[in-house]
């Protein structure tokens, strides 16, 4: 998400299933994403969805359909990329407005790759692309969530006054 000069950049994630999102988590990045290219990955398996930045897991959304929580499985994954003004909510809750004098705004991608994994796919690059996170991956996930997570829908009691979503208790 956009920022003002000198402020950390925010990465916004969401999970959509059955046409609804409302599962946002936001993180400060521990680096300036404008200084170099970085790898942003999503590992989407029947058991879980894992978001990674430079091969560091930042978020895991587990499939807990057994608890009645919808999991995105009825539609193939799609990748969309766009630039839009979300200054009514994204920039410090709408406090910072888009500076249109700096337009046009651009994004760059290098070595973009989408890979369909199957049970026969062998990729030694990262074991958790096939399995659950290993001990090192779990430690990295905890590190990111402890020091860099700035919003978690599971902790937003104002947004969910009747109680947080079911998957938050798992």
N, C-alpha and C. Protein backbone atom coordinates (compact mmCIF):
# COMPACT_ATOMS: atom_id res chain seq x y z
N UNK A 1 0.85 -1.18 0.00
CA UNK A 1 0.00 0.00 0.00
C UNK A 1 0.88 1.23 0.00
N UNK A 2 0.34 2.32 -0.47
CA UNK A 2 1.10 3.56 -0.54
C UNK A 2 1.52 4.07 0.82
N UNK A 3 2.43 5.01 0.80
CA UNK A 3 2.90 5.57 2.06
C UNK A 3 3.38 7.00 1.81
N UNK A 4 3.77 7.66 2.88
CA UNK A 4 4.40 8.95 2.75
C UNK A 4 5.90 8.73 2.87
N UNK A 5 6.67 9.60 2.30
CA UNK A 5 8.11 9.45 2.28
C UNK A 5 8.65 9.21 3.68
N UNK A 6 9.47 8.18 3.79
CA UNK A 6 10.09 7.85 5.08
C UNK A 6 9.31 6.84 5.90
N UNK A 7 8.03 6.65 5.60
CA UNK A 7 7.24 5.66 6.33
C UNK A 7 7.47 4.28 5.72
N UNK A 8 7.30 3.23 6.52
CA UNK A 8 7.45 1.89 5.95
C UNK A 8 6.33 1.57 4.97
N UNK A 9 6.62 0.71 4.01
CA UNK A 9 5.60 0.25 3.07
C UNK A 9 4.78 -0.85 3.73
N UNK A 10 3.51 -0.94 3.33
CA UNK A 10 2.60 -1.92 3.90
C UNK A 10 2.19 -2.91 2.81
N UNK A 11 2.27 -4.19 3.14
CA UNK A 11 1.79 -5.26 2.26
C UNK A 11 0.43 -5.69 2.79
N UNK A 12 -0.57 -5.67 1.92
CA UNK A 12 -1.95 -6.01 2.28
C UNK A 12 -2.30 -7.37 1.68
N UNK A 13 -2.78 -8.31 2.49
CA UNK A 13 -3.19 -9.61 2.01
C UNK A 13 -4.65 -9.84 2.37
N UNK A 14 -5.33 -10.66 1.58
CA UNK A 14 -6.72 -11.00 1.84
C UNK A 14 -7.00 -12.37 1.24
N UNK A 15 -7.95 -13.06 1.79
CA UNK A 15 -8.40 -14.35 1.26
C UNK A 15 -9.87 -14.18 0.88
N UNK A 16 -10.19 -14.53 -0.37
CA UNK A 16 -11.56 -14.48 -0.85
C UNK A 16 -12.07 -15.89 -1.07
N UNK A 17 -13.26 -16.16 -0.57
CA UNK A 17 -13.91 -17.43 -0.83
C UNK A 17 -15.41 -17.20 -0.83
N UNK A 18 -16.10 -17.87 -1.72
CA UNK A 18 -17.54 -17.71 -1.90
C UNK A 18 -17.91 -16.25 -2.09
N UNK A 19 -17.05 -15.52 -2.83
CA UNK A 19 -17.33 -14.13 -3.16
C UNK A 19 -17.08 -13.12 -2.06
N UNK A 20 -16.54 -13.54 -0.93
CA UNK A 20 -16.31 -12.63 0.20
C UNK A 20 -14.85 -12.66 0.62
N UNK A 21 -14.35 -11.50 0.96
CA UNK A 21 -13.00 -11.38 1.51
C UNK A 21 -13.10 -11.25 3.02
N UNK A 22 -12.79 -10.06 3.51
CA UNK A 22 -12.85 -9.76 4.95
C UNK A 22 -11.90 -10.59 5.78
N UNK A 23 -10.81 -11.05 5.16
CA UNK A 23 -9.80 -11.81 5.90
C UNK A 23 -8.44 -11.14 5.71
N UNK A 24 -8.40 -9.86 5.96
CA UNK A 24 -7.20 -9.08 5.70
C UNK A 24 -6.15 -9.22 6.81
N UNK A 25 -4.92 -9.21 6.38
CA UNK A 25 -3.79 -9.03 7.27
C UNK A 25 -2.85 -8.05 6.57
N UNK A 26 -2.24 -7.17 7.36
CA UNK A 26 -1.30 -6.19 6.80
C UNK A 26 0.01 -6.26 7.56
N UNK A 27 1.07 -6.00 6.80
CA UNK A 27 2.43 -6.11 7.35
C UNK A 27 3.26 -4.93 6.88
N UNK A 28 4.08 -4.38 7.78
CA UNK A 28 5.15 -3.50 7.33
C UNK A 28 6.20 -4.38 6.68
N UNK A 29 6.76 -3.93 5.59
CA UNK A 29 7.87 -4.66 4.99
C UNK A 29 9.15 -4.30 5.73
N UNK A 30 10.03 -5.23 5.88
CA UNK A 30 11.29 -5.03 6.62
C UNK A 30 12.38 -4.54 5.69
N UNK A 31 11.98 -4.06 4.51
CA UNK A 31 12.90 -3.53 3.52
C UNK A 31 12.14 -2.50 2.69
N UNK A 32 12.86 -1.71 1.92
CA UNK A 32 12.25 -0.75 1.01
C UNK A 32 12.02 -1.46 -0.33
N UNK A 33 10.77 -1.75 -0.69
CA UNK A 33 10.51 -2.51 -1.91
C UNK A 33 10.80 -1.75 -3.20
N UNK A 34 11.07 -0.46 -3.08
CA UNK A 34 11.37 0.34 -4.28
C UNK A 34 12.85 0.28 -4.65
N UNK A 35 13.68 -0.24 -3.77
CA UNK A 35 15.13 -0.25 -4.02
C UNK A 35 15.60 -1.43 -4.86
N UNK A 36 14.82 -2.51 -4.85
CA UNK A 36 15.23 -3.69 -5.59
C UNK A 36 14.00 -4.55 -5.84
N UNK A 37 14.14 -5.51 -6.73
CA UNK A 37 13.06 -6.46 -6.97
C UNK A 37 13.02 -7.48 -5.84
N UNK A 38 11.82 -7.94 -5.52
CA UNK A 38 11.63 -8.94 -4.48
C UNK A 38 10.68 -10.01 -5.01
N UNK A 39 10.71 -11.16 -4.38
CA UNK A 39 9.87 -12.28 -4.79
C UNK A 39 8.68 -12.37 -3.85
N UNK A 40 7.48 -12.28 -4.41
CA UNK A 40 6.24 -12.43 -3.67
C UNK A 40 5.58 -13.71 -4.18
N UNK A 41 5.30 -14.65 -3.29
CA UNK A 41 4.78 -15.95 -3.70
C UNK A 41 3.53 -16.30 -2.92
N UNK A 42 2.67 -17.08 -3.58
CA UNK A 42 1.50 -17.65 -2.94
C UNK A 42 1.52 -19.13 -3.26
N UNK A 43 1.58 -19.94 -2.22
CA UNK A 43 1.51 -21.39 -2.36
C UNK A 43 0.09 -21.79 -1.98
N UNK A 44 -0.67 -22.26 -2.94
CA UNK A 44 -2.08 -22.58 -2.73
C UNK A 44 -2.26 -24.08 -2.91
N UNK A 45 -2.42 -24.76 -1.81
CA UNK A 45 -2.59 -26.21 -1.80
C UNK A 45 -3.96 -26.53 -1.18
N UNK A 46 -4.46 -27.73 -1.35
CA UNK A 46 -5.74 -28.07 -0.72
C UNK A 46 -5.72 -27.95 0.81
N UNK A 47 -4.54 -28.05 1.42
CA UNK A 47 -4.42 -28.00 2.87
C UNK A 47 -4.30 -26.58 3.42
N UNK A 48 -3.76 -25.65 2.61
CA UNK A 48 -3.47 -24.31 3.12
C UNK A 48 -3.09 -23.38 1.98
N UNK A 49 -3.08 -22.09 2.31
CA UNK A 49 -2.53 -21.06 1.43
C UNK A 49 -1.43 -20.37 2.22
N UNK A 50 -0.24 -20.29 1.63
CA UNK A 50 0.89 -19.66 2.30
C UNK A 50 1.34 -18.47 1.46
N UNK A 51 1.44 -17.30 2.07
CA UNK A 51 1.99 -16.12 1.43
C UNK A 51 3.45 -15.98 1.85
N UNK A 52 4.34 -15.72 0.90
CA UNK A 52 5.76 -15.58 1.19
C UNK A 52 6.30 -14.31 0.54
N UNK A 53 7.29 -13.72 1.19
CA UNK A 53 8.04 -12.60 0.64
C UNK A 53 9.51 -12.99 0.69
N UNK A 54 10.14 -13.02 -0.46
CA UNK A 54 11.54 -13.46 -0.54
C UNK A 54 11.75 -14.80 0.17
N UNK A 55 10.81 -15.70 -0.04
CA UNK A 55 10.83 -17.05 0.50
C UNK A 55 10.65 -17.10 2.02
N UNK A 56 10.22 -16.00 2.63
CA UNK A 56 9.90 -15.95 4.06
C UNK A 56 8.39 -16.00 4.20
N UNK A 57 7.85 -17.00 4.89
CA UNK A 57 6.39 -17.06 5.06
C UNK A 57 5.92 -15.92 5.95
N UNK A 58 4.84 -15.25 5.51
CA UNK A 58 4.27 -14.17 6.32
C UNK A 58 2.86 -14.49 6.79
N UNK A 59 2.19 -15.40 6.08
CA UNK A 59 0.81 -15.71 6.43
C UNK A 59 0.48 -17.12 5.98
N UNK A 60 -0.28 -17.83 6.83
CA UNK A 60 -0.79 -19.16 6.49
C UNK A 60 -2.29 -19.14 6.75
N UNK A 61 -3.06 -19.53 5.76
CA UNK A 61 -4.50 -19.70 5.91
C UNK A 61 -4.80 -21.18 5.73
N UNK A 62 -5.13 -21.85 6.83
CA UNK A 62 -5.32 -23.30 6.79
C UNK A 62 -6.74 -23.64 6.33
N UNK A 63 -6.85 -24.77 5.70
CA UNK A 63 -8.15 -25.28 5.30
C UNK A 63 -8.78 -25.94 6.52
N UNK A 64 -9.78 -25.27 7.07
CA UNK A 64 -10.53 -25.82 8.20
C UNK A 64 -12.00 -25.92 7.83
N UNK A 65 -12.24 -26.44 6.63
CA UNK A 65 -13.62 -26.66 6.19
C UNK A 65 -14.36 -27.57 7.15
N UNK A 66 -13.64 -28.44 7.84
CA UNK A 66 -14.27 -29.35 8.80
C UNK A 66 -14.95 -28.57 9.93
N UNK A 67 -14.52 -27.31 10.14
CA UNK A 67 -15.14 -26.44 11.15
C UNK A 67 -16.22 -25.56 10.54
N UNK A 68 -16.46 -25.70 9.24
CA UNK A 68 -17.47 -24.89 8.58
C UNK A 68 -16.93 -23.60 7.97
N UNK A 69 -15.61 -23.49 7.87
CA UNK A 69 -14.99 -22.29 7.30
C UNK A 69 -14.77 -22.53 5.80
N UNK A 70 -15.34 -21.68 4.95
CA UNK A 70 -15.14 -21.88 3.50
C UNK A 70 -13.67 -21.74 3.12
N UNK A 71 -13.24 -22.57 2.20
CA UNK A 71 -11.87 -22.53 1.68
C UNK A 71 -11.96 -22.38 0.17
N UNK A 72 -11.16 -21.49 -0.42
CA UNK A 72 -11.25 -21.28 -1.88
C UNK A 72 -10.77 -22.50 -2.66
N UNK A 73 -11.73 -23.22 -3.23
CA UNK A 73 -11.36 -24.43 -3.96
C UNK A 73 -12.23 -24.68 -5.18
N UNK A 74 -13.29 -23.91 -5.35
CA UNK A 74 -14.23 -24.16 -6.43
C UNK A 74 -13.91 -23.40 -7.71
N UNK A 75 -12.87 -22.61 -7.69
CA UNK A 75 -12.52 -21.80 -8.85
C UNK A 75 -11.00 -21.75 -8.93
N UNK A 76 -10.45 -21.81 -10.13
CA UNK A 76 -9.00 -21.73 -10.25
C UNK A 76 -8.49 -20.39 -9.74
N UNK A 77 -7.25 -20.39 -9.28
CA UNK A 77 -6.62 -19.15 -8.84
C UNK A 77 -6.46 -18.23 -10.03
N UNK A 78 -6.67 -16.94 -9.78
CA UNK A 78 -6.45 -15.92 -10.79
C UNK A 78 -5.51 -14.89 -10.21
N UNK A 79 -4.71 -14.33 -11.06
CA UNK A 79 -3.78 -13.29 -10.64
C UNK A 79 -4.19 -12.00 -11.32
N UNK A 80 -4.43 -10.97 -10.52
CA UNK A 80 -4.77 -9.66 -11.04
C UNK A 80 -3.72 -8.68 -10.54
N UNK A 81 -3.43 -7.72 -11.36
CA UNK A 81 -2.52 -6.66 -10.94
C UNK A 81 -3.13 -5.35 -11.38
N UNK A 82 -3.18 -4.41 -10.47
CA UNK A 82 -3.73 -3.12 -10.82
C UNK A 82 -3.17 -2.06 -9.88
N UNK A 83 -3.29 -0.84 -10.31
CA UNK A 83 -2.99 0.30 -9.46
C UNK A 83 -4.29 1.08 -9.31
N UNK A 84 -4.66 1.37 -8.09
CA UNK A 84 -5.89 2.12 -7.90
C UNK A 84 -5.75 2.99 -6.66
N UNK A 85 -6.55 4.01 -6.63
CA UNK A 85 -6.54 4.89 -5.47
C UNK A 85 -7.42 4.28 -4.39
N UNK A 86 -6.80 3.88 -3.32
CA UNK A 86 -7.53 3.36 -2.17
C UNK A 86 -7.32 4.29 -0.99
N UNK A 87 -7.16 5.59 -1.30
CA UNK A 87 -6.82 6.52 -0.23
C UNK A 87 -7.97 6.80 0.73
N UNK A 88 -9.13 6.19 0.50
CA UNK A 88 -10.20 6.32 1.49
C UNK A 88 -10.03 5.34 2.65
N UNK A 89 -9.13 4.33 2.50
CA UNK A 89 -8.93 3.37 3.58
C UNK A 89 -7.48 2.89 3.71
N UNK A 90 -6.73 2.85 2.62
CA UNK A 90 -5.45 2.15 2.62
C UNK A 90 -4.31 2.96 3.22
N UNK A 91 -4.34 4.24 3.11
CA UNK A 91 -3.21 5.06 3.53
C UNK A 91 -3.47 5.62 4.92
N UNK A 92 -3.00 4.84 5.90
CA UNK A 92 -3.18 5.21 7.30
C UNK A 92 -4.65 5.48 7.60
N UNK A 93 -5.49 4.56 7.13
CA UNK A 93 -6.93 4.68 7.39
C UNK A 93 -7.58 5.81 6.63
N UNK A 94 -6.98 6.23 5.52
CA UNK A 94 -7.54 7.30 4.71
C UNK A 94 -7.03 8.68 5.06
N UNK A 95 -6.06 8.77 5.98
CA UNK A 95 -5.54 10.08 6.38
C UNK A 95 -4.69 10.73 5.30
N UNK A 96 -3.97 9.91 4.53
CA UNK A 96 -3.09 10.44 3.49
C UNK A 96 -3.77 10.25 2.14
N UNK A 97 -3.96 11.32 1.42
CA UNK A 97 -4.63 11.27 0.13
C UNK A 97 -3.61 11.13 -0.99
N UNK A 98 -4.05 10.60 -2.11
CA UNK A 98 -3.18 10.40 -3.28
C UNK A 98 -2.71 11.75 -3.80
N UNK A 99 -1.43 11.87 -4.06
CA UNK A 99 -0.85 13.07 -4.65
C UNK A 99 -0.85 12.88 -6.17
N UNK A 100 -1.89 13.35 -6.81
CA UNK A 100 -2.07 13.13 -8.24
C UNK A 100 -1.05 13.88 -9.08
N UNK A 101 -0.34 14.84 -8.49
CA UNK A 101 0.69 15.57 -9.25
C UNK A 101 1.88 14.64 -9.56
N UNK A 102 1.98 13.50 -8.85
CA UNK A 102 3.06 12.56 -9.10
C UNK A 102 2.70 11.50 -10.15
N UNK A 103 1.49 11.57 -10.70
CA UNK A 103 1.05 10.61 -11.73
C UNK A 103 1.87 10.83 -13.01
N UNK A 104 2.02 9.86 -13.87
CA UNK A 104 1.38 8.54 -13.80
C UNK A 104 2.14 7.61 -12.87
N UNK A 105 1.42 6.69 -12.28
CA UNK A 105 1.99 5.70 -11.37
C UNK A 105 2.24 4.41 -12.13
N UNK A 106 3.33 3.75 -11.83
CA UNK A 106 3.68 2.52 -12.57
C UNK A 106 4.13 1.43 -11.61
N UNK A 107 4.02 0.20 -12.07
CA UNK A 107 4.55 -0.96 -11.35
C UNK A 107 5.34 -1.77 -12.36
N UNK A 108 6.38 -2.41 -11.89
CA UNK A 108 7.24 -3.21 -12.77
C UNK A 108 7.32 -4.63 -12.25
N UNK A 109 7.37 -5.56 -13.18
CA UNK A 109 7.52 -6.97 -12.84
C UNK A 109 8.67 -7.53 -13.65
N UNK A 110 9.42 -8.38 -13.04
CA UNK A 110 10.54 -9.03 -13.72
C UNK A 110 10.49 -10.52 -13.37
N UNK A 111 10.71 -11.35 -14.37
CA UNK A 111 10.71 -12.80 -14.16
C UNK A 111 9.42 -13.30 -13.54
N UNK A 112 8.30 -12.75 -13.99
CA UNK A 112 7.00 -13.20 -13.49
C UNK A 112 6.79 -14.65 -13.90
N UNK A 113 6.38 -15.47 -12.94
CA UNK A 113 6.18 -16.88 -13.23
C UNK A 113 5.02 -17.41 -12.39
N UNK A 114 4.11 -18.11 -13.02
CA UNK A 114 3.04 -18.81 -12.32
C UNK A 114 3.24 -20.29 -12.60
N UNK A 115 3.32 -21.08 -11.55
CA UNK A 115 3.58 -22.51 -11.69
C UNK A 115 2.46 -23.29 -11.05
N UNK A 116 1.91 -24.23 -11.79
CA UNK A 116 0.90 -25.12 -11.23
C UNK A 116 1.63 -26.31 -10.61
N UNK A 117 1.40 -26.51 -9.32
CA UNK A 117 2.01 -27.64 -8.63
C UNK A 117 1.04 -28.80 -8.61
N UNK A 118 1.55 -29.97 -8.71
CA UNK A 118 0.75 -31.17 -8.57
C UNK A 118 1.50 -32.12 -7.65
N UNK A 119 0.89 -33.23 -7.32
CA UNK A 119 1.55 -34.17 -6.41
C UNK A 119 2.82 -34.73 -7.02
N UNK A 120 2.96 -34.65 -8.33
CA UNK A 120 4.17 -35.17 -8.97
C UNK A 120 5.24 -34.09 -9.16
N UNK A 121 4.92 -32.85 -8.79
CA UNK A 121 5.89 -31.76 -8.96
C UNK A 121 7.00 -31.91 -7.94
N UNK A 122 8.22 -31.81 -8.40
CA UNK A 122 9.37 -31.86 -7.50
C UNK A 122 10.09 -30.53 -7.59
N UNK A 123 10.17 -29.83 -6.47
CA UNK A 123 10.82 -28.53 -6.46
C UNK A 123 11.60 -28.41 -5.16
N UNK A 124 12.91 -28.47 -5.25
CA UNK A 124 13.73 -28.43 -4.04
C UNK A 124 13.91 -27.01 -3.51
N UNK A 125 13.38 -26.01 -4.25
CA UNK A 125 13.55 -24.61 -3.84
C UNK A 125 12.97 -24.35 -2.45
N UNK A 126 11.83 -24.96 -2.15
CA UNK A 126 11.22 -24.73 -0.86
C UNK A 126 10.33 -25.92 -0.50
N UNK A 127 10.66 -26.57 0.58
CA UNK A 127 9.93 -27.77 0.98
C UNK A 127 8.47 -27.47 1.28
N UNK A 128 8.15 -26.25 1.79
CA UNK A 128 6.77 -25.98 2.16
C UNK A 128 5.89 -25.70 0.94
N UNK A 129 6.46 -25.72 -0.24
CA UNK A 129 5.60 -25.62 -1.42
C UNK A 129 4.79 -26.89 -1.56
N UNK A 130 5.22 -27.96 -0.94
CA UNK A 130 4.51 -29.22 -1.02
C UNK A 130 3.95 -29.60 0.35
N UNK A 131 4.69 -29.35 1.40
CA UNK A 131 4.31 -29.77 2.74
C UNK A 131 3.98 -28.57 3.62
N UNK A 132 3.71 -28.84 4.88
CA UNK A 132 3.52 -27.79 5.87
C UNK A 132 4.85 -27.08 6.10
N UNK A 133 4.82 -25.97 6.82
CA UNK A 133 6.05 -25.27 7.15
C UNK A 133 6.92 -26.14 8.04
N UNK A 134 8.22 -26.12 7.78
CA UNK A 134 9.15 -26.82 8.67
C UNK A 134 9.44 -25.91 9.87
N UNK A 135 10.30 -26.36 10.78
CA UNK A 135 10.57 -25.60 12.01
C UNK A 135 11.14 -24.22 11.68
N UNK A 136 12.05 -24.14 10.73
CA UNK A 136 12.63 -22.85 10.35
C UNK A 136 11.55 -21.94 9.76
N UNK A 137 10.69 -22.46 8.91
CA UNK A 137 9.60 -21.68 8.33
C UNK A 137 8.64 -21.16 9.39
N UNK A 138 8.33 -22.00 10.38
CA UNK A 138 7.45 -21.56 11.47
C UNK A 138 8.10 -20.44 12.28
N UNK A 139 9.42 -20.55 12.53
CA UNK A 139 10.13 -19.48 13.26
C UNK A 139 10.09 -18.18 12.48
N UNK A 140 10.33 -18.25 11.18
CA UNK A 140 10.29 -17.04 10.33
C UNK A 140 8.90 -16.43 10.31
N UNK A 141 7.88 -17.27 10.22
CA UNK A 141 6.49 -16.80 10.24
C UNK A 141 6.20 -16.07 11.55
N UNK A 142 6.59 -16.66 12.68
CA UNK A 142 6.38 -16.01 13.97
C UNK A 142 7.12 -14.68 14.05
N UNK A 143 8.35 -14.62 13.53
CA UNK A 143 9.15 -13.39 13.52
C UNK A 143 8.42 -12.29 12.75
N UNK A 144 7.95 -12.60 11.55
CA UNK A 144 7.24 -11.60 10.74
C UNK A 144 5.97 -11.16 11.45
N UNK A 145 5.20 -12.12 11.97
CA UNK A 145 3.93 -11.76 12.59
C UNK A 145 4.12 -11.00 13.90
N UNK A 146 5.19 -11.26 14.62
CA UNK A 146 5.45 -10.55 15.87
C UNK A 146 5.92 -9.12 15.64
N UNK A 147 6.84 -8.94 14.69
CA UNK A 147 7.48 -7.64 14.53
C UNK A 147 6.94 -6.79 13.38
N UNK A 148 6.21 -7.38 12.45
CA UNK A 148 5.83 -6.62 11.26
C UNK A 148 4.34 -6.62 10.96
N UNK A 149 3.55 -7.50 11.58
CA UNK A 149 2.11 -7.48 11.34
C UNK A 149 1.50 -6.28 12.04
N UNK A 150 0.74 -5.49 11.28
CA UNK A 150 0.12 -4.29 11.86
C UNK A 150 -1.39 -4.38 11.87
N UNK A 151 -1.97 -5.34 11.16
CA UNK A 151 -3.42 -5.54 11.21
C UNK A 151 -3.72 -7.02 10.99
N UNK A 152 -4.61 -7.54 11.82
CA UNK A 152 -5.07 -8.91 11.69
C UNK A 152 -6.56 -8.92 11.96
N UNK A 153 -7.34 -9.29 10.97
CA UNK A 153 -8.79 -9.30 11.13
C UNK A 153 -9.23 -10.14 12.32
N UNK A 154 -8.44 -11.12 12.71
CA UNK A 154 -8.79 -11.97 13.84
C UNK A 154 -8.76 -11.22 15.17
N UNK A 155 -8.12 -10.06 15.19
CA UNK A 155 -8.05 -9.28 16.43
C UNK A 155 -8.93 -8.03 16.39
N UNK A 156 -9.74 -7.88 15.36
CA UNK A 156 -10.53 -6.67 15.16
C UNK A 156 -11.93 -6.83 15.75
N UNK A 157 -12.05 -6.60 17.05
CA UNK A 157 -13.33 -6.78 17.73
C UNK A 157 -14.33 -5.69 17.36
N UNK A 158 -13.86 -4.52 16.91
CA UNK A 158 -14.79 -3.48 16.45
C UNK A 158 -15.49 -3.93 15.17
N UNK A 159 -14.75 -4.58 14.33
CA UNK A 159 -15.29 -5.04 13.05
C UNK A 159 -16.18 -6.28 13.23
N UNK A 160 -15.87 -7.09 14.22
CA UNK A 160 -16.61 -8.32 14.47
C UNK A 160 -17.11 -8.33 15.92
N UNK A 161 -18.07 -7.45 16.25
CA UNK A 161 -18.53 -7.36 17.65
C UNK A 161 -19.23 -8.62 18.16
N UNK A 162 -19.78 -9.44 17.25
CA UNK A 162 -20.43 -10.68 17.67
C UNK A 162 -19.42 -11.81 17.85
N UNK A 163 -18.14 -11.54 17.61
CA UNK A 163 -17.10 -12.55 17.73
C UNK A 163 -16.34 -12.68 16.43
N UNK A 164 -15.06 -12.94 16.55
CA UNK A 164 -14.19 -13.04 15.36
C UNK A 164 -14.58 -14.28 14.57
N UNK A 165 -14.23 -14.31 13.28
CA UNK A 165 -14.56 -15.47 12.45
C UNK A 165 -14.02 -16.78 13.05
N UNK A 166 -14.71 -17.85 12.71
CA UNK A 166 -14.44 -19.16 13.27
C UNK A 166 -13.00 -19.61 13.11
N UNK A 167 -12.40 -19.32 11.94
CA UNK A 167 -11.03 -19.80 11.70
C UNK A 167 -10.01 -19.13 12.61
N UNK A 168 -10.38 -18.02 13.22
CA UNK A 168 -9.45 -17.30 14.10
C UNK A 168 -9.19 -18.05 15.40
N UNK A 169 -10.08 -18.93 15.77
CA UNK A 169 -9.88 -19.68 17.01
C UNK A 169 -9.07 -20.95 16.79
N UNK A 170 -8.74 -21.24 15.53
CA UNK A 170 -8.00 -22.46 15.21
C UNK A 170 -6.52 -22.21 15.19
